[in-house]
Amino acid sequence: MSRFRGLMGRKFLEENRGLFLAPCSSIHMCFMRFPIDAVYVDRDFRIMKVTENLRPWIGVSACIGAWGVMELAAGTAGRLGYEKGMKLYVQR
């Protein structure tokens, strides 16, 4: 999936799946068909901001100073307990 296309055009996002964009400090929901959660992180993967349930077509979200953003199915951030200040650990 290309960075330009992202999640646009998809009908849904599978549970426990997401899209990580970096560098990225803002997203829009144009051409999206389903709501998402956005989790913004700094370069150390510390959460800077969590935006839940961004609405398709009209949602916009930004976090000044963020290095990257995880786009997750709506409700995932809350279910996983993601909060500002938490550090995420990433396996590469």
PDB file of N, CA and C in Angstrom:
ATOM      1  N   MET A   1       0.853  -1.167   0.000  1.00  0.00           N
ATOM      2  CA  MET A   1       0.000   0.000   0.000  1.00  0.00           C
ATOM      3  C   MET A   1       0.902   1.234   0.000  1.00  0.00           C
ATOM      4  N   SER A   2       0.658   2.151  -0.900  1.00  0.00           N
ATOM      5  CA  SER A   2       1.514   3.326  -1.002  1.00  0.00           C
ATOM      6  C   SER A   2       1.169   4.351   0.067  1.00  0.00           C
ATOM      7  N   ARG A   3       2.143   5.174   0.381  1.00  0.00           N
ATOM      8  CA  ARG A   3       1.927   6.225   1.371  1.00  0.00           C
ATOM      9  C   ARG A   3       0.858   7.199   0.900  1.00  0.00           C
ATOM     10  N   PHE A   4       0.877   7.555  -0.391  1.00  0.00           N
ATOM     11  CA  PHE A   4      -0.105   8.499  -0.909  1.00  0.00           C
ATOM     12  C   PHE A   4      -1.520   7.961  -0.732  1.00  0.00           C
ATOM     13  N   ARG A   5      -1.721   6.727  -1.044  1.00  0.00           N
ATOM     14  CA  ARG A   5      -3.063   6.133  -0.971  1.00  0.00           C
ATOM     15  C   ARG A   5      -3.471   5.841   0.462  1.00  0.00           C
ATOM     16  N   GLY A   6      -2.542   5.400   1.283  1.00  0.00           N
ATOM     17  CA  GLY A   6      -2.860   5.105   2.678  1.00  0.00           C
ATOM     18  C   GLY A   6      -4.025   4.150   2.803  1.00  0.00           C
ATOM     19  N   LEU A   7      -5.023   4.533   3.584  1.00  0.00           N
ATOM     20  CA  LEU A   7      -6.202   3.694   3.797  1.00  0.00           C
ATOM     21  C   LEU A   7      -7.379   4.105   2.910  1.00  0.00           C
ATOM     22  N   MET A   8      -7.167   5.115   2.060  1.00  0.00           N
ATOM     23  CA  MET A   8      -8.249   5.563   1.179  1.00  0.00           C
ATOM     24  C   MET A   8      -8.694   4.425   0.265  1.00  0.00           C
ATOM     25  N   GLY A   9      -9.986   4.329   0.083  1.00  0.00           N
ATOM     26  CA  GLY A   9     -10.534   3.336  -0.819  1.00  0.00           C
ATOM     27  C   GLY A   9     -10.795   1.979  -0.187  1.00  0.00           C
ATOM     28  N   ARG A  10     -10.236   1.737   0.967  1.00  0.00           N
ATOM     29  CA  ARG A  10     -10.491   0.460   1.649  1.00  0.00           C
ATOM     30  C   ARG A  10     -11.860   0.504   2.301  1.00  0.00           C
ATOM     31  N   LYS A  11     -12.474  -0.658   2.455  1.00  0.00           N
ATOM     32  CA  LYS A  11     -13.806  -0.733   3.066  1.00  0.00           C
ATOM     33  C   LYS A  11     -13.741  -0.835   4.582  1.00  0.00           C
ATOM     34  N   PHE A  12     -12.637  -1.337   5.101  1.00  0.00           N
ATOM     35  CA  PHE A  12     -12.473  -1.478   6.544  1.00  0.00           C
ATOM     36  C   PHE A  12     -11.001  -1.720   6.841  1.00  0.00           C
ATOM     37  N   LEU A  13     -10.668  -1.694   8.116  1.00  0.00           N
ATOM     38  CA  LEU A  13      -9.316  -2.000   8.578  1.00  0.00           C
ATOM     39  C   LEU A  13      -9.429  -3.195   9.509  1.00  0.00           C
ATOM     40  N   GLU A  14      -8.691  -4.234   9.225  1.00  0.00           N
ATOM     41  CA  GLU A  14      -8.761  -5.461  10.015  1.00  0.00           C
ATOM     42  C   GLU A  14      -8.364  -5.191  11.470  1.00  0.00           C
ATOM     43  N   GLU A  15      -8.985  -5.937  12.388  1.00  0.00           N
ATOM     44  CA  GLU A  15      -8.648  -5.818  13.806  1.00  0.00           C
ATOM     45  C   GLU A  15      -7.171  -6.152  13.999  1.00  0.00           C
ATOM     46  N   ASN A  16      -6.537  -5.424  14.904  1.00  0.00           N
ATOM     47  CA  ASN A  16      -5.112  -5.598  15.230  1.00  0.00           C
ATOM     48  C   ASN A  16      -4.194  -5.275  14.066  1.00  0.00           C
ATOM     49  N   ARG A  17      -4.669  -4.480  13.116  1.00  0.00           N
ATOM     50  CA  ARG A  17      -3.844  -4.013  12.004  1.00  0.00           C
ATOM     51  C   ARG A  17      -3.865  -2.496  12.014  1.00  0.00           C
ATOM     52  N   GLY A  18      -2.885  -1.902  11.389  1.00  0.00           N
ATOM     53  CA  GLY A  18      -2.849  -0.453  11.302  1.00  0.00           C
ATOM     54  C   GLY A  18      -1.884  -0.010  10.230  1.00  0.00           C
ATOM     55  N   LEU A  19      -1.763   1.283  10.094  1.00  0.00           N
ATOM     56  CA  LEU A  19      -0.836   1.874   9.137  1.00  0.00           C
ATOM     57  C   LEU A  19      -0.008   2.894   9.895  1.00  0.00           C
ATOM     58  N   PHE A  20       1.325   2.800   9.771  1.00  0.00           N
ATOM     59  CA  PHE A  20       2.210   3.768  10.414  1.00  0.00           C
ATOM     60  C   PHE A  20       2.803   4.655   9.335  1.00  0.00           C
ATOM     61  N   LEU A  21       2.677   5.971   9.530  1.00  0.00           N
ATOM     62  CA  LEU A  21       3.215   6.946   8.583  1.00  0.00           C
ATOM     63  C   LEU A  21       4.266   7.790   9.276  1.00  0.00           C
ATOM     64  N   ALA A  22       5.446   7.876   8.677  1.00  0.00           N
ATOM     65  CA  ALA A  22       6.517   8.723   9.222  1.00  0.00           C
ATOM     66  C   ALA A  22       7.404   9.168   8.068  1.00  0.00           C
ATOM     67  N   PRO A  23       7.827  10.385   8.055  1.00  0.00           N
ATOM     68  CA  PRO A  23       7.407  11.437   8.981  1.00  0.00           C
ATOM     69  C   PRO A  23       5.996  11.888   8.651  1.00  0.00           C
ATOM     70  N   CYS A  24       5.249  12.234   9.688  1.00  0.00           N
ATOM     71  CA  CYS A  24       3.857  12.668   9.510  1.00  0.00           C
ATOM     72  C   CYS A  24       3.360  13.285  10.812  1.00  0.00           C
ATOM     73  N   SER A  25       2.768  14.478  10.702  1.00  0.00           N
ATOM     74  CA  SER A  25       2.221  15.121  11.901  1.00  0.00           C
ATOM     75  C   SER A  25       0.753  15.514  11.732  1.00  0.00           C
ATOM     76  N   SER A  26       0.148  15.157  10.587  1.00  0.00           N
ATOM     77  CA  SER A  26      -1.270  15.450  10.399  1.00  0.00           C
ATOM     78  C   SER A  26      -1.865  14.496   9.369  1.00  0.00           C
ATOM     79  N   ILE A  27      -3.175  14.270   9.508  1.00  0.00           N
ATOM     80  CA  ILE A  27      -3.879  13.389   8.573  1.00  0.00           C
ATOM     81  C   ILE A  27      -5.254  13.975   8.269  1.00  0.00           C
ATOM     82  N   HIS A  28      -5.834  13.529   7.179  1.00  0.00           N
ATOM     83  CA  HIS A  28      -7.195  13.905   6.818  1.00  0.00           C
ATOM     84  C   HIS A  28      -7.971  12.634   6.510  1.00  0.00           C
ATOM     85  N   MET A  29      -9.273  12.755   6.481  1.00  0.00           N
ATOM     86  CA  MET A  29     -10.130  11.595   6.263  1.00  0.00           C
ATOM     87  C   MET A  29     -10.851  11.636   4.917  1.00  0.00           C
ATOM     88  N   CYS A  30     -10.385  12.479   4.000  1.00  0.00           N
ATOM     89  CA  CYS A  30     -10.997  12.537   2.667  1.00  0.00           C
ATOM     90  C   CYS A  30     -10.921  11.166   2.004  1.00  0.00           C
ATOM     91  N   PHE A  31     -12.006  10.773   1.383  1.00  0.00           N
ATOM     92  CA  PHE A  31     -12.113   9.513   0.646  1.00  0.00           C
ATOM     93  C   PHE A  31     -12.046   8.273   1.535  1.00  0.00           C
ATOM     94  N   MET A  32     -12.142   8.458   2.848  1.00  0.00           N
ATOM     95  CA  MET A  32     -12.149   7.316   3.765  1.00  0.00           C
ATOM     96  C   MET A  32     -13.582   6.833   3.941  1.00  0.00           C
ATOM     97  N   ARG A  33     -13.742   5.518   4.193  1.00  0.00           N
ATOM     98  CA  ARG A  33     -15.068   4.923   4.319  1.00  0.00           C
ATOM     99  C   ARG A  33     -15.407   4.500   5.744  1.00  0.00           C
ATOM    100  N   PHE A  34     -14.465   4.622   6.656  1.00  0.00           N
ATOM    101  CA  PHE A  34     -14.685   4.138   8.022  1.00  0.00           C
ATOM    102  C   PHE A  34     -13.910   5.020   8.994  1.00  0.00           C
ATOM    103  N   PRO A  35     -14.339   5.091  10.254  1.00  0.00           N
ATOM    104  CA  PRO A  35     -13.627   5.894  11.253  1.00  0.00           C
ATOM    105  C   PRO A  35     -12.339   5.203  11.703  1.00  0.00           C
ATOM    106  N   ILE A  36     -11.399   6.000  12.182  1.00  0.00           N
ATOM    107  CA  ILE A  36     -10.126   5.467  12.695  1.00  0.00           C
ATOM    108  C   ILE A  36      -9.721   6.219  13.962  1.00  0.00           C
ATOM    109  N   ASP A  37      -8.764   5.625  14.679  1.00  0.00           N
ATOM    110  CA  ASP A  37      -8.050   6.297  15.762  1.00  0.00           C
ATOM    111  C   ASP A  37      -6.682   6.688  15.221  1.00  0.00           C
ATOM    112  N   ALA A  38      -6.171   7.840  15.645  1.00  0.00           N
ATOM    113  CA  ALA A  38      -4.835   8.288  15.258  1.00  0.00           C
ATOM    114  C   ALA A  38      -3.985   8.427  16.518  1.00  0.00           C
ATOM    115  N   VAL A  39      -2.831   7.777  16.527  1.00  0.00           N
ATOM    116  CA  VAL A  39      -1.926   7.835  17.669  1.00  0.00           C
ATOM    117  C   VAL A  39      -0.612   8.450  17.186  1.00  0.00           C
ATOM    118  N   TYR A  40      -0.351   9.680  17.637  1.00  0.00           N
ATOM    119  CA  TYR A  40       0.848  10.420  17.227  1.00  0.00           C
ATOM    120  C   TYR A  40       1.996  10.123  18.179  1.00  0.00           C
ATOM    121  N   VAL A  41       3.188   9.942  17.616  1.00  0.00           N
ATOM    122  CA  VAL A  41       4.365   9.613  18.421  1.00  0.00           C
ATOM    123  C   VAL A  41       5.546  10.503  18.035  1.00  0.00           C
ATOM    124  N   ASP A  42       6.495  10.614  18.979  1.00  0.00           N
ATOM    125  CA  ASP A  42       7.754  11.290  18.665  1.00  0.00           C
ATOM    126  C   ASP A  42       8.742  10.246  18.145  1.00  0.00           C
ATOM    127  N   ARG A  43       9.976  10.635  17.890  1.00  0.00           N
ATOM    128  CA  ARG A  43      10.975   9.709  17.325  1.00  0.00           C
ATOM    129  C   ARG A  43      11.318   8.547  18.254  1.00  0.00           C
ATOM    130  N   ASP A  44      11.026   8.693  19.532  1.00  0.00           N
ATOM    131  CA  ASP A  44      11.269   7.615  20.496  1.00  0.00           C
ATOM    132  C   ASP A  44      10.023   6.749  20.704  1.00  0.00           C
ATOM    133  N   PHE A  45       9.019   6.959  19.876  1.00  0.00           N
ATOM    134  CA  PHE A  45       7.749   6.230  19.947  1.00  0.00           C
ATOM    135  C   PHE A  45       6.999   6.478  21.262  1.00  0.00           C
ATOM    136  N   ARG A  46       7.180   7.673  21.824  1.00  0.00           N
ATOM    137  CA  ARG A  46       6.391   8.086  22.984  1.00  0.00           C
ATOM    138  C   ARG A  46       5.140   8.776  22.445  1.00  0.00           C
ATOM    139  N   ILE A  47       3.996   8.380  22.970  1.00  0.00           N
ATOM    140  CA  ILE A  47       2.733   8.931  22.480  1.00  0.00           C
ATOM    141  C   ILE A  47       2.611  10.402  22.867  1.00  0.00           C
ATOM    142  N   MET A  48       2.357  11.224  21.865  1.00  0.00           N
ATOM    143  CA  MET A  48       2.176  12.658  22.068  1.00  0.00           C
ATOM    144  C   MET A  48       0.697  13.040  22.106  1.00  0.00           C
ATOM    145  N   LYS A  49      -0.121  12.281  21.375  1.00  0.00           N
ATOM    146  CA  LYS A  49      -1.547  12.619  21.290  1.00  0.00           C
ATOM    147  C   LYS A  49      -2.309  11.411  20.765  1.00  0.00           C
ATOM    148  N   VAL A  50      -3.516  11.210  21.274  1.00  0.00           N
ATOM    149  CA  VAL A  50      -4.408  10.169  20.776  1.00  0.00           C
ATOM    150  C   VAL A  50      -5.709  10.853  20.354  1.00  0.00           C
ATOM    151  N   THR A  51      -6.089  10.660  19.101  1.00  0.00           N
ATOM    152  CA  THR A  51      -7.350  11.176  18.592  1.00  0.00           C
ATOM    153  C   THR A  51      -8.206   9.970  18.231  1.00  0.00           C
ATOM    154  N   GLU A  52      -9.341   9.841  18.893  1.00  0.00           N
ATOM    155  CA  GLU A  52     -10.183   8.664  18.681  1.00  0.00           C
ATOM    156  C   GLU A  52     -11.373   8.974  17.779  1.00  0.00           C
ATOM    157  N   ASN A  53     -11.761   7.960  17.032  1.00  0.00           N
ATOM    158  CA  ASN A  53     -12.978   7.972  16.226  1.00  0.00           C
ATOM    159  C   ASN A  53     -13.053   9.138  15.245  1.00  0.00           C
ATOM    160  N   LEU A  54     -11.999   9.317  14.462  1.00  0.00           N
ATOM    161  CA  LEU A  54     -12.025  10.327  13.399  1.00  0.00           C
ATOM    162  C   LEU A  54     -13.056   9.908  12.356  1.00  0.00           C
ATOM    163  N   ARG A  55     -13.959  10.795  12.030  1.00  0.00           N
ATOM    164  CA  ARG A  55     -15.058  10.462  11.137  1.00  0.00           C
ATOM    165  C   ARG A  55     -14.627  10.470   9.669  1.00  0.00           C
ATOM    166  N   PRO A  56     -15.137   9.513   8.903  1.00  0.00           N
ATOM    167  CA  PRO A  56     -14.812   9.483   7.478  1.00  0.00           C
ATOM    168  C   PRO A  56     -15.265  10.760   6.777  1.00  0.00           C
ATOM    169  N   TRP A  57     -14.508  11.154   5.786  1.00  0.00           N
ATOM    170  CA  TRP A  57     -14.742  12.309   4.917  1.00  0.00           C
ATOM    171  C   TRP A  57     -14.516  13.650   5.595  1.00  0.00           C
ATOM    172  N   ILE A  58     -14.898  13.827   6.851  1.00  0.00           N
ATOM    173  CA  ILE A  58     -14.813  15.170   7.432  1.00  0.00           C
ATOM    174  C   ILE A  58     -13.756  15.295   8.530  1.00  0.00           C
ATOM    175  N   GLY A  59     -13.180  14.213   8.974  1.00  0.00           N
ATOM    176  CA  GLY A  59     -12.214  14.280  10.065  1.00  0.00           C
ATOM    177  C   GLY A  59     -10.853  14.817   9.624  1.00  0.00           C
ATOM    178  N   VAL A  60     -10.250  15.592  10.496  1.00  0.00           N
ATOM    179  CA  VAL A  60      -8.893  16.107  10.303  1.00  0.00           C
ATOM    180  C   VAL A  60      -8.230  16.070  11.669  1.00  0.00           C
ATOM    181  N   SER A  61      -6.945  15.738  11.690  1.00  0.00           N
ATOM    182  CA  SER A  61      -6.237  15.681  12.963  1.00  0.00           C
ATOM    183  C   SER A  61      -4.776  16.060  12.746  1.00  0.00           C
ATOM    184  N   ALA A  62      -4.198  16.729  13.731  1.00  0.00           N
ATOM    185  CA  ALA A  62      -2.791  17.123  13.663  1.00  0.00           C
ATOM    186  C   ALA A  62      -2.188  17.139  15.056  1.00  0.00           C
ATOM    187  N   CYS A  63      -0.877  17.010  15.093  1.00  0.00           N
ATOM    188  CA  CYS A  63      -0.141  17.092  16.354  1.00  0.00           C
ATOM    189  C   CYS A  63       1.200  17.762  16.059  1.00  0.00           C
ATOM    190  N   ILE A  64       1.314  19.010  16.436  1.00  0.00           N
ATOM    191  CA  ILE A  64       2.545  19.762  16.186  1.00  0.00           C
ATOM    192  C   ILE A  64       3.712  19.084  16.890  1.00  0.00           C
ATOM    193  N   GLY A  65       4.771  18.850  16.143  1.00  0.00           N
ATOM    194  CA  GLY A  65       5.969  18.229  16.695  1.00  0.00           C
ATOM    195  C   GLY A  65       6.009  16.715  16.607  1.00  0.00           C
ATOM    196  N   ALA A  66       4.906  16.094  16.181  1.00  0.00           N
ATOM    197  CA  ALA A  66       4.905  14.630  16.061  1.00  0.00           C
ATOM    198  C   ALA A  66       5.815  14.200  14.913  1.00  0.00           C
ATOM    199  N   TRP A  67       6.406  13.045  15.066  1.00  0.00           N
ATOM    200  CA  TRP A  67       7.252  12.464  14.021  1.00  0.00           C
ATOM    201  C   TRP A  67       6.471  11.474  13.160  1.00  0.00           C
ATOM    202  N   GLY A  68       5.532  10.759  13.775  1.00  0.00           N
ATOM    203  CA  GLY A  68       4.778   9.751  13.043  1.00  0.00           C
ATOM    204  C   GLY A  68       3.399   9.570  13.636  1.00  0.00           C
ATOM    205  N   VAL A  69       2.567   8.856  12.889  1.00  0.00           N
ATOM    206  CA  VAL A  69       1.206   8.584  13.340  1.00  0.00           C
ATOM    207  C   VAL A  69       0.822   7.155  12.969  1.00  0.00           C
ATOM    208  N   MET A  70       0.157   6.485  13.916  1.00  0.00           N
ATOM    209  CA  MET A  70      -0.421   5.167  13.653  1.00  0.00           C
ATOM    210  C   MET A  70      -1.904   5.364  13.414  1.00  0.00           C
ATOM    211  N   GLU A  71      -2.392   4.852  12.288  1.00  0.00           N
ATOM    212  CA  GLU A  71      -3.809   4.855  12.012  1.00  0.00           C
ATOM    213  C   GLU A  71      -4.337   3.465  12.350  1.00  0.00           C
ATOM    214  N   LEU A  72      -5.311   3.423  13.253  1.00  0.00           N
ATOM    215  CA  LEU A  72      -5.859   2.164  13.750  1.00  0.00           C
ATOM    216  C   LEU A  72      -7.369   2.157  13.583  1.00  0.00           C
ATOM    217  N   ALA A  73      -7.974   0.985  13.556  1.00  0.00           N
ATOM    218  CA  ALA A  73      -9.431   0.893  13.520  1.00  0.00           C
ATOM    219  C   ALA A  73     -10.010   1.638  14.718  1.00  0.00           C
ATOM    220  N   ALA A  74     -11.120   2.337  14.509  1.00  0.00           N
ATOM    221  CA  ALA A  74     -11.754   3.091  15.594  1.00  0.00           C
ATOM    222  C   ALA A  74     -12.011   2.184  16.794  1.00  0.00           C
ATOM    223  N   GLY A  75     -11.663   2.685  17.979  1.00  0.00           N
ATOM    224  CA  GLY A  75     -11.843   1.937  19.213  1.00  0.00           C
ATOM    225  C   GLY A  75     -10.609   1.184  19.667  1.00  0.00           C
ATOM    226  N   THR A  76      -9.640   1.038  18.789  1.00  0.00           N
ATOM    227  CA  THR A  76      -8.440   0.266  19.123  1.00  0.00           C
ATOM    228  C   THR A  76      -7.591   0.977  20.168  1.00  0.00           C
ATOM    229  N   ALA A  77      -7.387   2.277  20.024  1.00  0.00           N
ATOM    230  CA  ALA A  77      -6.546   3.010  20.974  1.00  0.00           C
ATOM    231  C   ALA A  77      -7.092   2.895  22.389  1.00  0.00           C
ATOM    232  N   GLY A  78      -8.396   3.044  22.549  1.00  0.00           N
ATOM    233  CA  GLY A  78      -9.013   2.907  23.867  1.00  0.00           C
ATOM    234  C   GLY A  78      -8.919   1.492  24.400  1.00  0.00           C
ATOM    235  N   ARG A  79      -9.169   0.526  23.523  1.00  0.00           N
ATOM    236  CA  ARG A  79      -9.117  -0.883  23.943  1.00  0.00           C
ATOM    237  C   ARG A  79      -7.722  -1.248  24.414  1.00  0.00           C
ATOM    238  N   LEU A  80      -6.697  -0.701  23.774  1.00  0.00           N
ATOM    239  CA  LEU A  80      -5.316  -1.001  24.157  1.00  0.00           C
ATOM    240  C   LEU A  80      -4.803  -0.095  25.277  1.00  0.00           C
ATOM    241  N   GLY A  81      -5.599   0.886  25.681  1.00  0.00           N
ATOM    242  CA  GLY A  81      -5.215   1.771  26.779  1.00  0.00           C
ATOM    243  C   GLY A  81      -4.154   2.790  26.415  1.00  0.00           C
ATOM    244  N   TYR A  82      -4.052   3.152  25.141  1.00  0.00           N
ATOM    245  CA  TYR A  82      -3.045   4.128  24.717  1.00  0.00           C
ATOM    246  C   TYR A  82      -3.365   5.501  25.291  1.00  0.00           C
ATOM    247  N   GLU A  83      -2.353   6.115  25.919  1.00  0.00           N
ATOM    248  CA  GLU A  83      -2.498   7.439  26.521  1.00  0.00           C
ATOM    249  C   GLU A  83      -1.260   8.261  26.239  1.00  0.00           C
ATOM    250  N   LYS A  84      -1.431   9.578  26.266  1.00  0.00           N
ATOM    251  CA  LYS A  84      -0.315  10.494  26.095  1.00  0.00           C
ATOM    252  C   LYS A  84       0.773  10.170  27.124  1.00  0.00           C
ATOM    253  N   GLY A  85       2.015  10.123  26.677  1.00  0.00           N
ATOM    254  CA  GLY A  85       3.150   9.853  27.557  1.00  0.00           C
ATOM    255  C   GLY A  85       3.611   8.409  27.563  1.00  0.00           C
ATOM    256  N   MET A  86       2.752   7.480  27.139  1.00  0.00           N
ATOM    257  CA  MET A  86       3.157   6.067  27.077  1.00  0.00           C
ATOM    258  C   MET A  86       4.213   5.877  26.001  1.00  0.00           C
ATOM    259  N   LYS A  87       5.103   4.944  26.218  1.00  0.00           N
ATOM    260  CA  LYS A  87       6.112   4.605  25.201  1.00  0.00           C
ATOM    261  C   LYS A  87       5.715   3.291  24.546  1.00  0.00           C
ATOM    262  N   LEU A  88       5.710   3.304  23.225  1.00  0.00           N
ATOM    263  CA  LEU A  88       5.399   2.096  22.470  1.00  0.00           C
ATOM    264  C   LEU A  88       6.701   1.393  22.082  1.00  0.00           C
ATOM    265  N   TYR A  89       6.666   0.094  22.060  1.00  0.00           N
ATOM    266  CA  TYR A  89       7.842  -0.681  21.662  1.00  0.00           C
ATOM    267  C   TYR A  89       7.537  -1.326  20.326  1.00  0.00           C
ATOM    268  N   VAL A  90       8.423  -1.118  19.389  1.00  0.00           N
ATOM    269  CA  VAL A  90       8.206  -1.558  18.019  1.00  0.00           C
ATOM    270  C   VAL A  90       9.207  -2.629  17.655  1.00  0.00           C
ATOM    271  N   GLN A  91       8.707  -3.720  17.107  1.00  0.00           N
ATOM    272  CA  GLN A  91       9.584  -4.777  16.592  1.00  0.00           C
ATOM    273  C   GLN A  91       9.807  -4.505  15.119  1.00  0.00           C
ATOM    274  N   ARG A  92      11.049  -4.554  14.698  1.00  0.00           N
ATOM    275  CA  ARG A  92      11.357  -4.306  13.281  1.00  0.00           C
ATOM    276  C   ARG A  92      11.887  -5.553  12.643  1.00  0.00           C
TER     277      ARG A  92
END
